[in-house]
Structures are given as structure tokens and as C-alpha cells.
Amino acid sequence: MLVLAMLLLTPVTLIMNWFSSEDKKSKLQKTFGFATTIFILWFIVWKIPKFVFSFFPASQDFIYFFSFLIGMFATGFLCFFTTLYVVKGVSKNLSESKTQWQKK
């Protein structure tokens, strides 16, 4: 499923890069790119999840979704405080080494 989503997102990235180029695009090219992007995003956001969730009852979907949210929150919380700890330690070491260089 992840490979399918990545394969579908590749043209969206190419279309977005194509739109951001400096070349003047015709209305037909812009319309085709816009329609292609909308179709691919509709497929990724609506059809794939609808297919996957059709195998499980709604209560199980609800439980899995909230377990995913709690896991993502816990992972973000852990990464945030780990980053704060590392940055604080590095800044403390840098300030101590700076004061040692100033004393010399």
C-alpha cells in the first residue's frame, strides 16, 4: 500500500515542479495538470483508505486510529524533549569551552 501511494505521489510532485517553473503554460496544460493532481489525490485520500478499512469493523478502525494518534504524540513528545536535552547539553559545553578559551 505504501509503495502504491508513493508511486501515485511521484506524478503529483512532478506536476507541482512543472507548475513552479518560469515557463508560460497554456490553459490546457494547466487544466490537465490540475485535473491529474486532483484525481491522484482523490485516489490516495479516498479510494485506498476506503478499500483498506473495508476489511475491518468500524470499532476496530476507531481503536487503531486513536492508537496511531497516541503513538505519534508519544513519539513526538519523546523526540522533542530529547532534542531539548541534547541542545541544552551542547550549548552548555560550548559556553564552557568558550569561557576556557577566554581565560587563556
PDB file of N, CA and C in Angstrom:
ATOM      1  N   MET A   1       0.828  -1.182   0.000  1.00  0.00           N
ATOM      2  CA  MET A   1       0.000   0.000   0.000  1.00  0.00           C
ATOM      3  C   MET A   1       0.876   1.252   0.000  1.00  0.00           C
ATOM      4  N   LEU A   2       1.950   1.225   0.769  1.00  0.00           N
ATOM      5  CA  LEU A   2       2.853   2.380   0.821  1.00  0.00           C
ATOM      6  C   LEU A   2       3.527   2.604  -0.525  1.00  0.00           C
ATOM      7  N   VAL A   3       3.928   1.534  -1.182  1.00  0.00           N
ATOM      8  CA  VAL A   3       4.564   1.655  -2.498  1.00  0.00           C
ATOM      9  C   VAL A   3       3.574   2.236  -3.502  1.00  0.00           C
ATOM     10  N   LEU A   4       2.325   1.802  -3.440  1.00  0.00           N
ATOM     11  CA  LEU A   4       1.307   2.346  -4.338  1.00  0.00           C
ATOM     12  C   LEU A   4       1.103   3.839  -4.097  1.00  0.00           C
ATOM     13  N   ALA A   5       1.035   4.230  -2.834  1.00  0.00           N
ATOM     14  CA  ALA A   5       0.878   5.656  -2.521  1.00  0.00           C
ATOM     15  C   ALA A   5       2.085   6.459  -3.002  1.00  0.00           C
ATOM     16  N   MET A   6       3.286   5.920  -2.825  1.00  0.00           N
ATOM     17  CA  MET A   6       4.489   6.629  -3.279  1.00  0.00           C
ATOM     18  C   MET A   6       4.505   6.734  -4.804  1.00  0.00           C
ATOM     19  N   LEU A   7       4.093   5.683  -5.487  1.00  0.00           N
ATOM     20  CA  LEU A   7       4.040   5.728  -6.952  1.00  0.00           C
ATOM     21  C   LEU A   7       3.012   6.747  -7.441  1.00  0.00           C
ATOM     22  N   LEU A   8       1.930   6.888  -6.706  1.00  0.00           N
ATOM     23  CA  LEU A   8       0.924   7.869  -7.088  1.00  0.00           C
ATOM     24  C   LEU A   8       1.339   9.292  -6.740  1.00  0.00           C
ATOM     25  N   LEU A   9       2.148   9.471  -5.704  1.00  0.00           N
ATOM     26  CA  LEU A   9       2.591  10.809  -5.327  1.00  0.00           C
ATOM     27  C   LEU A   9       3.707  11.333  -6.226  1.00  0.00           C
ATOM     28  N   THR A  10       4.414  10.454  -6.894  1.00  0.00           N
ATOM     29  CA  THR A  10       5.509  10.889  -7.773  1.00  0.00           C
ATOM     30  C   THR A  10       5.015  11.820  -8.883  1.00  0.00           C
ATOM     31  N   PRO A  11       3.937  11.483  -9.606  1.00  0.00           N
ATOM     32  CA  PRO A  11       3.472  12.432 -10.626  1.00  0.00           C
ATOM     33  C   PRO A  11       2.999  13.756 -10.035  1.00  0.00           C
ATOM     34  N   VAL A  12       2.432  13.725  -8.825  1.00  0.00           N
ATOM     35  CA  VAL A  12       1.982  14.972  -8.199  1.00  0.00           C
ATOM     36  C   VAL A  12       3.179  15.882  -7.970  1.00  0.00           C
ATOM     37  N   THR A  13       4.287  15.339  -7.501  1.00  0.00           N
ATOM     38  CA  THR A  13       5.490  16.132  -7.289  1.00  0.00           C
ATOM     39  C   THR A  13       6.009  16.701  -8.606  1.00  0.00           C
ATOM     40  N   LEU A  14       6.013  15.878  -9.638  1.00  0.00           N
ATOM     41  CA  LEU A  14       6.474  16.347 -10.943  1.00  0.00           C
ATOM     42  C   LEU A  14       5.572  17.453 -11.481  1.00  0.00           C
ATOM     43  N   ILE A  15       4.269  17.308 -11.294  1.00  0.00           N
ATOM     44  CA  ILE A  15       3.335  18.330 -11.771  1.00  0.00           C
ATOM     45  C   ILE A  15       3.531  19.632 -10.994  1.00  0.00           C
ATOM     46  N   MET A  16       3.720  19.536  -9.681  1.00  0.00           N
ATOM     47  CA  MET A  16       3.943  20.747  -8.882  1.00  0.00           C
ATOM     48  C   MET A  16       5.240  21.447  -9.289  1.00  0.00           C
ATOM     49  N   ASN A  17       6.292  20.681  -9.557  1.00  0.00           N
ATOM     50  CA  ASN A  17       7.541  21.280 -10.037  1.00  0.00           C
ATOM     51  C   ASN A  17       7.342  21.914 -11.413  1.00  0.00           C
ATOM     52  N   TRP A  18       6.540  21.290 -12.226  1.00  0.00           N
ATOM     53  CA  TRP A  18       6.257  21.808 -13.557  1.00  0.00           C
ATOM     54  C   TRP A  18       5.507  23.130 -13.476  1.00  0.00           C
ATOM     55  N   PHE A  19       4.549  23.226 -12.532  1.00  0.00           N
ATOM     56  CA  PHE A  19       3.810  24.474 -12.351  1.00  0.00           C
ATOM     57  C   PHE A  19       4.697  25.591 -11.821  1.00  0.00           C
ATOM     58  N   SER A  20       5.682  25.247 -11.012  1.00  0.00           N
ATOM     59  CA  SER A  20       6.516  26.271 -10.398  1.00  0.00           C
ATOM     60  C   SER A  20       7.613  26.783 -11.330  1.00  0.00           C
ATOM     61  N   SER A  21       7.783  26.162 -12.494  1.00  0.00           N
ATOM     62  CA  SER A  21       8.799  26.636 -13.430  1.00  0.00           C
ATOM     63  C   SER A  21       8.378  27.988 -14.005  1.00  0.00           C
ATOM     64  N   GLU A  22       9.338  28.705 -14.530  1.00  0.00           N
ATOM     65  CA  GLU A  22       9.104  30.062 -15.020  1.00  0.00           C
ATOM     66  C   GLU A  22       8.437  30.107 -16.387  1.00  0.00           C
ATOM     67  N   ASP A  23       8.363  28.990 -17.069  1.00  0.00           N
ATOM     68  CA  ASP A  23       7.782  28.970 -18.412  1.00  0.00           C
ATOM     69  C   ASP A  23       6.290  29.291 -18.358  1.00  0.00           C
ATOM     70  N   LYS A  24       5.827  29.940 -19.404  1.00  0.00           N
ATOM     71  CA  LYS A  24       4.396  30.223 -19.513  1.00  0.00           C
ATOM     72  C   LYS A  24       3.691  28.955 -19.979  1.00  0.00           C
ATOM     73  N   LYS A  25       2.682  28.545 -19.241  1.00  0.00           N
ATOM     74  CA  LYS A  25       1.926  27.344 -19.586  1.00  0.00           C
ATOM     75  C   LYS A  25       0.587  27.749 -20.189  1.00  0.00           C
ATOM     76  N   SER A  26       0.113  26.967 -21.120  1.00  0.00           N
ATOM     77  CA  SER A  26      -1.197  27.243 -21.704  1.00  0.00           C
ATOM     78  C   SER A  26      -2.289  26.804 -20.727  1.00  0.00           C
ATOM     79  N   LYS A  27      -3.487  27.292 -20.980  1.00  0.00           N
ATOM     80  CA  LYS A  27      -4.627  26.929 -20.124  1.00  0.00           C
ATOM     81  C   LYS A  27      -4.892  25.428 -20.170  1.00  0.00           C
ATOM     82  N   LEU A  28      -4.707  24.824 -21.319  1.00  0.00           N
ATOM     83  CA  LEU A  28      -4.935  23.391 -21.460  1.00  0.00           C
ATOM     84  C   LEU A  28      -3.940  22.594 -20.622  1.00  0.00           C
ATOM     85  N   GLN A  29      -2.674  22.982 -20.637  1.00  0.00           N
ATOM     86  CA  GLN A  29      -1.660  22.293 -19.831  1.00  0.00           C
ATOM     87  C   GLN A  29      -1.952  22.454 -18.341  1.00  0.00           C
ATOM     88  N   LYS A  30      -2.336  23.656 -17.917  1.00  0.00           N
ATOM     89  CA  LYS A  30      -2.648  23.881 -16.503  1.00  0.00           C
ATOM     90  C   LYS A  30      -3.874  23.079 -16.075  1.00  0.00           C
ATOM     91  N   THR A  31      -4.886  23.042 -16.926  1.00  0.00           N
ATOM     92  CA  THR A  31      -6.096  22.292 -16.606  1.00  0.00           C
ATOM     93  C   THR A  31      -5.811  20.801 -16.515  1.00  0.00           C
ATOM     94  N   PHE A  32      -5.020  20.280 -17.453  1.00  0.00           N
ATOM     95  CA  PHE A  32      -4.665  18.863 -17.423  1.00  0.00           C
ATOM     96  C   PHE A  32      -3.871  18.523 -16.157  1.00  0.00           C
ATOM     97  N   GLY A  33      -2.899  19.351 -15.809  1.00  0.00           N
ATOM     98  CA  GLY A  33      -2.110  19.120 -14.598  1.00  0.00           C
ATOM     99  C   GLY A  33      -2.958  19.194 -13.341  1.00  0.00           C
ATOM    100  N   PHE A  34      -3.868  20.166 -13.286  1.00  0.00           N
ATOM    101  CA  PHE A  34      -4.744  20.320 -12.132  1.00  0.00           C
ATOM    102  C   PHE A  34      -5.673  19.116 -11.994  1.00  0.00           C
ATOM    103  N   ALA A  35      -6.259  18.678 -13.109  1.00  0.00           N
ATOM    104  CA  ALA A  35      -7.174  17.525 -13.080  1.00  0.00           C
ATOM    105  C   ALA A  35      -6.432  16.246 -12.680  1.00  0.00           C
ATOM    106  N   THR A  36      -5.221  16.078 -13.197  1.00  0.00           N
ATOM    107  CA  THR A  36      -4.431  14.900 -12.838  1.00  0.00           C
ATOM    108  C   THR A  36      -4.102  14.894 -11.352  1.00  0.00           C
ATOM    109  N   THR A  37      -3.710  16.053 -10.831  1.00  0.00           N
ATOM    110  CA  THR A  37      -3.390  16.157  -9.401  1.00  0.00           C
ATOM    111  C   THR A  37      -4.609  15.851  -8.545  1.00  0.00           C
ATOM    112  N   ILE A  38      -5.751  16.425  -8.882  1.00  0.00           N
ATOM    113  CA  ILE A  38      -6.980  16.174  -8.122  1.00  0.00           C
ATOM    114  C   ILE A  38      -7.350  14.697  -8.155  1.00  0.00           C
ATOM    115  N   PHE A  39      -7.256  14.054  -9.329  1.00  0.00           N
ATOM    116  CA  PHE A  39      -7.599  12.634  -9.443  1.00  0.00           C
ATOM    117  C   PHE A  39      -6.672  11.770  -8.580  1.00  0.00           C
ATOM    118  N   ILE A  40      -5.372  12.035  -8.638  1.00  0.00           N
ATOM    119  CA  ILE A  40      -4.419  11.237  -7.870  1.00  0.00           C
ATOM    120  C   ILE A  40      -4.640  11.433  -6.375  1.00  0.00           C
ATOM    121  N   LEU A  41      -4.849  12.674  -5.945  1.00  0.00           N
ATOM    122  CA  LEU A  41      -5.091  12.917  -4.521  1.00  0.00           C
ATOM    123  C   LEU A  41      -6.412  12.304  -4.071  1.00  0.00           C
ATOM    124  N   TRP A  42      -7.438  12.332  -4.921  1.00  0.00           N
ATOM    125  CA  TRP A  42      -8.712  11.686  -4.586  1.00  0.00           C
ATOM    126  C   TRP A  42      -8.511  10.187  -4.402  1.00  0.00           C
ATOM    127  N   PHE A  43      -7.712   9.591  -5.276  1.00  0.00           N
ATOM    128  CA  PHE A  43      -7.448   8.165  -5.189  1.00  0.00           C
ATOM    129  C   PHE A  43      -6.693   7.823  -3.905  1.00  0.00           C
ATOM    130  N   ILE A  44      -5.677   8.624  -3.567  1.00  0.00           N
ATOM    131  CA  ILE A  44      -4.865   8.363  -2.371  1.00  0.00           C
ATOM    132  C   ILE A  44      -5.655   8.613  -1.097  1.00  0.00           C
ATOM    133  N   VAL A  45      -6.405   9.709  -1.055  1.00  0.00           N
ATOM    134  CA  VAL A  45      -7.086  10.094   0.187  1.00  0.00           C
ATOM    135  C   VAL A  45      -8.410   9.366   0.374  1.00  0.00           C
ATOM    136  N   TRP A  46      -9.085   8.986  -0.711  1.00  0.00           N
ATOM    137  CA  TRP A  46     -10.402   8.390  -0.558  1.00  0.00           C
ATOM    138  C   TRP A  46     -10.446   6.900  -0.910  1.00  0.00           C
ATOM    139  N   LYS A  47      -9.984   6.528  -2.070  1.00  0.00           N
ATOM    140  CA  LYS A  47     -10.175   5.148  -2.535  1.00  0.00           C
ATOM    141  C   LYS A  47      -9.301   4.138  -1.796  1.00  0.00           C
ATOM    142  N   ILE A  48      -8.040   4.435  -1.595  1.00  0.00           N
ATOM    143  CA  ILE A  48      -7.163   3.481  -0.902  1.00  0.00           C
ATOM    144  C   ILE A  48      -7.609   3.260   0.545  1.00  0.00           C
ATOM    145  N   PRO A  49      -7.849   4.344   1.339  1.00  0.00           N
ATOM    146  CA  PRO A  49      -8.339   4.092   2.708  1.00  0.00           C
ATOM    147  C   PRO A  49      -9.695   3.384   2.738  1.00  0.00           C
ATOM    148  N   LYS A  50     -10.578   3.700   1.803  1.00  0.00           N
ATOM    149  CA  LYS A  50     -11.884   3.032   1.763  1.00  0.00           C
ATOM    150  C   LYS A  50     -11.711   1.530   1.523  1.00  0.00           C
ATOM    151  N   PHE A  51     -10.791   1.174   0.650  1.00  0.00           N
ATOM    152  CA  PHE A  51     -10.518  -0.233   0.381  1.00  0.00           C
ATOM    153  C   PHE A  51      -9.912  -0.921   1.601  1.00  0.00           C
ATOM    154  N   VAL A  52      -8.924  -0.282   2.228  1.00  0.00           N
ATOM    155  CA  VAL A  52      -8.246  -0.888   3.377  1.00  0.00           C
ATOM    156  C   VAL A  52      -9.193  -1.030   4.561  1.00  0.00           C
ATOM    157  N   PHE A  53      -9.971   0.021   4.855  1.00  0.00           N
ATOM    158  CA  PHE A  53     -10.850  -0.014   6.020  1.00  0.00           C
ATOM    159  C   PHE A  53     -12.076  -0.881   5.809  1.00  0.00           C
ATOM    160  N   SER A  54     -12.331  -1.321   4.587  1.00  0.00           N
ATOM    161  CA  SER A  54     -13.478  -2.190   4.360  1.00  0.00           C
ATOM    162  C   SER A  54     -13.267  -3.589   4.947  1.00  0.00           C
ATOM    163  N   PHE A  55     -12.037  -3.949   5.263  1.00  0.00           N
ATOM    164  CA  PHE A  55     -11.744  -5.264   5.825  1.00  0.00           C
ATOM    165  C   PHE A  55     -11.959  -5.333   7.340  1.00  0.00           C
ATOM    166  N   PHE A  56     -12.080  -4.182   8.000  1.00  0.00           N
ATOM    167  CA  PHE A  56     -12.164  -4.138   9.458  1.00  0.00           C
ATOM    168  C   PHE A  56     -13.473  -3.486   9.889  1.00  0.00           C
ATOM    169  N   PRO A  57     -14.006  -3.903  11.047  1.00  0.00           N
ATOM    170  CA  PRO A  57     -15.207  -3.226  11.553  1.00  0.00           C
ATOM    171  C   PRO A  57     -14.879  -1.794  12.007  1.00  0.00           C
ATOM    172  N   ALA A  58     -15.893  -0.967  12.097  1.00  0.00           N
ATOM    173  CA  ALA A  58     -15.699   0.447  12.429  1.00  0.00           C
ATOM    174  C   ALA A  58     -15.064   0.631  13.808  1.00  0.00           C
ATOM    175  N   SER A  59     -15.440  -0.188  14.771  1.00  0.00           N
ATOM    176  CA  SER A  59     -14.870  -0.041  16.121  1.00  0.00           C
ATOM    177  C   SER A  59     -13.364  -0.318  16.104  1.00  0.00           C
ATOM    178  N   GLN A  60     -12.950  -1.304  15.328  1.00  0.00           N
ATOM    179  CA  GLN A  60     -11.525  -1.619  15.232  1.00  0.00           C
ATOM    180  C   GLN A  60     -10.779  -0.490  14.509  1.00  0.00           C
ATOM    181  N   ASP A  61     -11.392   0.098  13.479  1.00  0.00           N
ATOM    182  CA  ASP A  61     -10.794   1.247  12.800  1.00  0.00           C
ATOM    183  C   ASP A  61     -10.598   2.408  13.766  1.00  0.00           C
ATOM    184  N   PHE A  62     -11.621   2.655  14.582  1.00  0.00           N
ATOM    185  CA  PHE A  62     -11.570   3.736  15.565  1.00  0.00           C
ATOM    186  C   PHE A  62     -10.438   3.504  16.566  1.00  0.00           C
ATOM    187  N   ILE A  63     -10.320   2.292  17.070  1.00  0.00           N
ATOM    188  CA  ILE A  63      -9.273   1.953  18.037  1.00  0.00           C
ATOM    189  C   ILE A  63      -7.889   2.079  17.407  1.00  0.00           C
ATOM    190  N   TYR A  64      -7.715   1.576  16.193  1.00  0.00           N
ATOM    191  CA  TYR A  64      -6.421   1.672  15.513  1.00  0.00           C
ATOM    192  C   TYR A  64      -6.042   3.119  15.232  1.00  0.00           C
ATOM    193  N   PHE A  65      -7.026   3.929  14.838  1.00  0.00           N
ATOM    194  CA  PHE A  65      -6.752   5.331  14.539  1.00  0.00           C
ATOM    195  C   PHE A  65      -6.291   6.072  15.789  1.00  0.00           C
ATOM    196  N   PHE A  66      -6.979   5.877  16.911  1.00  0.00           N
ATOM    197  CA  PHE A  66      -6.576   6.567  18.132  1.00  0.00           C
ATOM    198  C   PHE A  66      -5.279   6.002  18.710  1.00  0.00           C
ATOM    199  N   SER A  67      -5.023   4.728  18.525  1.00  0.00           N
ATOM    200  CA  SER A  67      -3.732   4.170  18.930  1.00  0.00           C
ATOM    201  C   SER A  67      -2.607   4.800  18.114  1.00  0.00           C
ATOM    202  N   PHE A  68      -2.850   4.994  16.831  1.00  0.00           N
ATOM    203  CA  PHE A  68      -1.878   5.655  15.969  1.00  0.00           C
ATOM    204  C   PHE A  68      -1.629   7.088  16.443  1.00  0.00           C
ATOM    205  N   LEU A  69      -2.687   7.836  16.752  1.00  0.00           N
ATOM    206  CA  LEU A  69      -2.524   9.218  17.220  1.00  0.00           C
ATOM    207  C   LEU A  69      -1.758   9.280  18.530  1.00  0.00           C
ATOM    208  N   ILE A  70      -2.076   8.391  19.451  1.00  0.00           N
ATOM    209  CA  ILE A  70      -1.378   8.378  20.736  1.00  0.00           C
ATOM    210  C   ILE A  70       0.089   8.015  20.540  1.00  0.00           C
ATOM    211  N   GLY A  71       0.366   7.051  19.673  1.00  0.00           N
ATOM    212  CA  GLY A  71       1.747   6.671  19.389  1.00  0.00           C
ATOM    213  C   GLY A  71       2.521   7.804  18.729  1.00  0.00           C
ATOM    214  N   MET A  72       1.904   8.496  17.789  1.00  0.00           N
ATOM    215  CA  MET A  72       2.575   9.625  17.137  1.00  0.00           C
ATOM    216  C   MET A  72       2.829  10.752  18.135  1.00  0.00           C
ATOM    217  N   PHE A  73       1.863  11.030  19.007  1.00  0.00           N
ATOM    218  CA  PHE A  73       2.052  12.060  20.023  1.00  0.00           C
ATOM    219  C   PHE A  73       3.186  11.681  20.964  1.00  0.00           C
ATOM    220  N   ALA A  74       3.211  10.432  21.412  1.00  0.00           N
ATOM    221  CA  ALA A  74       4.263   9.990  22.324  1.00  0.00           C
ATOM    222  C   ALA A  74       5.639  10.054  21.656  1.00  0.00           C
ATOM    223  N   THR A  75       5.708   9.668  20.388  1.00  0.00           N
ATOM    224  CA  THR A  75       6.973   9.730  19.660  1.00  0.00           C
ATOM    225  C   THR A  75       7.429  11.169  19.492  1.00  0.00           C
ATOM    226  N   GLY A  76       6.525  12.059  19.131  1.00  0.00           N
ATOM    227  CA  GLY A  76       6.861  13.479  19.004  1.00  0.00           C
ATOM    228  C   GLY A  76       7.290  14.081  20.326  1.00  0.00           C
ATOM    229  N   PHE A  77       6.593  13.706  21.392  1.00  0.00           N
ATOM    230  CA  PHE A  77       6.928  14.192  22.737  1.00  0.00           C
ATOM    231  C   PHE A  77       8.338  13.757  23.116  1.00  0.00           C
ATOM    232  N   LEU A  78       8.648  12.494  22.876  1.00  0.00           N
ATOM    233  CA  LEU A  78       9.965  11.959  23.195  1.00  0.00           C
ATOM    234  C   LEU A  78      11.055  12.630  22.361  1.00  0.00           C
ATOM    235  N   CYS A  79      10.813  12.785  21.066  1.00  0.00           N
ATOM    236  CA  CYS A  79      11.803  13.437  20.195  1.00  0.00           C
ATOM    237  C   CYS A  79      12.009  14.895  20.582  1.00  0.00           C
ATOM    238  N   PHE A  80      10.940  15.592  20.936  1.00  0.00           N
ATOM    239  CA  PHE A  80      11.038  16.995  21.326  1.00  0.00           C
ATOM    240  C   PHE A  80      11.918  17.167  22.559  1.00  0.00           C
ATOM    241  N   PHE A  81      11.642  16.374  23.602  1.00  0.00           N
ATOM    242  CA  PHE A  81      12.418  16.530  24.822  1.00  0.00           C
ATOM    243  C   PHE A  81      13.839  15.986  24.691  1.00  0.00           C
ATOM    244  N   THR A  82      14.035  14.981  23.847  1.00  0.00           N
ATOM    245  CA  THR A  82      15.394  14.512  23.566  1.00  0.00           C
ATOM    246  C   THR A  82      16.191  15.598  22.861  1.00  0.00           C
ATOM    247  N   THR A  83      15.574  16.266  21.913  1.00  0.00           N
ATOM    248  CA  THR A  83      16.240  17.362  21.211  1.00  0.00           C
ATOM    249  C   THR A  83      16.570  18.493  22.168  1.00  0.00           C
ATOM    250  N   LEU A  84      15.638  18.848  23.035  1.00  0.00           N
ATOM    251  CA  LEU A  84      15.910  19.903  24.025  1.00  0.00           C
ATOM    252  C   LEU A  84      17.085  19.532  24.923  1.00  0.00           C
ATOM    253  N   TYR A  85      17.133  18.293  25.366  1.00  0.00           N
ATOM    254  CA  TYR A  85      18.207  17.841  26.246  1.00  0.00           C
ATOM    255  C   TYR A  85      19.559  17.907  25.528  1.00  0.00           C
ATOM    256  N   VAL A  86      19.592  17.439  24.291  1.00  0.00           N
ATOM    257  CA  VAL A  86      20.845  17.438  23.522  1.00  0.00           C
ATOM    258  C   VAL A  86      21.298  18.867  23.249  1.00  0.00           C
ATOM    259  N   VAL A  87      20.378  19.724  22.823  1.00  0.00           N
ATOM    260  CA  VAL A  87      20.747  21.109  22.511  1.00  0.00           C
ATOM    261  C   VAL A  87      21.213  21.838  23.765  1.00  0.00           C
ATOM    262  N   LYS A  88      20.557  21.610  24.875  1.00  0.00           N
ATOM    263  CA  LYS A  88      20.962  22.253  26.121  1.00  0.00           C
ATOM    264  C   LYS A  88      22.356  21.773  26.541  1.00  0.00           C
ATOM    265  N   GLY A  89      22.619  20.482  26.404  1.00  0.00           N
ATOM    266  CA  GLY A  89      23.940  19.952  26.738  1.00  0.00           C
ATOM    267  C   GLY A  89      25.022  20.481  25.823  1.00  0.00           C
ATOM    268  N   VAL A  90      24.738  20.550  24.547  1.00  0.00           N
ATOM    269  CA  VAL A  90      25.720  21.050  23.585  1.00  0.00           C
ATOM    270  C   VAL A  90      25.981  22.529  23.828  1.00  0.00           C
ATOM    271  N   SER A  91      24.931  23.307  24.069  1.00  0.00           N
ATOM    272  CA  SER A  91      25.137  24.738  24.311  1.00  0.00           C
ATOM    273  C   SER A  91      25.900  24.977  25.605  1.00  0.00           C
ATOM    274  N   LYS A  92      25.668  24.138  26.615  1.00  0.00           N
ATOM    275  CA  LYS A  92      26.406  24.268  27.871  1.00  0.00           C
ATOM    276  C   LYS A  92      27.883  23.948  27.641  1.00  0.00           C
ATOM    277  N   ASN A  93      28.164  22.886  26.898  1.00  0.00           N
ATOM    278  CA  ASN A  93      29.557  22.533  26.596  1.00  0.00           C
ATOM    279  C   ASN A  93      30.237  23.610  25.764  1.00  0.00           C
ATOM    280  N   LEU A  94      29.517  24.186  24.831  1.00  0.00           N
ATOM    281  CA  LEU A  94      30.100  25.248  24.004  1.00  0.00           C
ATOM    282  C   LEU A  94      30.395  26.487  24.825  1.00  0.00           C
ATOM    283  N   SER A  95      29.478  26.839  25.740  1.00  0.00           N
ATOM    284  CA  SER A  95      29.718  28.028  26.559  1.00  0.00           C
ATOM    285  C   SER A  95      30.869  27.798  27.532  1.00  0.00           C
ATOM    286  N   GLU A  96      30.996  26.568  28.060  1.00  0.00           N
ATOM    287  CA  GLU A  96      32.118  26.268  28.956  1.00  0.00           C
ATOM    288  C   GLU A  96      33.442  26.302  28.202  1.00  0.00           C
ATOM    289  N   SER A  97      33.478  25.773  26.996  1.00  0.00           N
ATOM    290  CA  SER A  97      34.721  25.786  26.224  1.00  0.00           C
ATOM    291  C   SER A  97      35.064  27.211  25.794  1.00  0.00           C
ATOM    292  N   LYS A  98      34.072  28.039  25.567  1.00  0.00           N
ATOM    293  CA  LYS A  98      34.311  29.435  25.200  1.00  0.00           C
ATOM    294  C   LYS A  98      34.926  30.192  26.365  1.00  0.00           C
ATOM    295  N   THR A  99      34.416  29.939  27.574  1.00  0.00           N
ATOM    296  CA  THR A  99      34.982  30.635  28.741  1.00  0.00           C
ATOM    297  C   THR A  99      36.408  30.142  29.024  1.00  0.00           C
ATOM    298  N   GLN A 100      36.706  28.870  28.754  1.00  0.00           N
ATOM    299  CA  GLN A 100      38.064  28.366  28.932  1.00  0.00           C
ATOM    300  C   GLN A 100      39.013  29.012  27.941  1.00  0.00           C
ATOM    301  N   TRP A 101      38.577  29.231  26.716  1.00  0.00           N
ATOM    302  CA  TRP A 101      39.427  29.886  25.704  1.00  0.00           C
ATOM    303  C   TRP A 101      39.648  31.343  26.060  1.00  0.00           C
ATOM    304  N   GLN A 102      38.649  31.975  26.674  1.00  0.00           N
ATOM    305  CA  GLN A 102      38.805  33.380  27.052  1.00  0.00           C
ATOM    306  C   GLN A 102      39.767  33.524  28.220  1.00  0.00           C
ATOM    307  N   LYS A 103      39.836  32.535  29.104  1.00  0.00           N
ATOM    308  CA  LYS A 103      40.751  32.595  30.248  1.00  0.00           C
ATOM    309  C   LYS A 103      42.203  32.434  29.819  1.00  0.00           C
ATOM    310  N   LYS A 104      42.433  31.742  28.709  1.00  0.00           N
ATOM    311  CA  LYS A 104      43.801  31.503  28.277  1.00  0.00           C
ATOM    312  C   LYS A 104      44.330  32.712  27.649  1.00  0.00           C
TER     313      LYS A 104
END
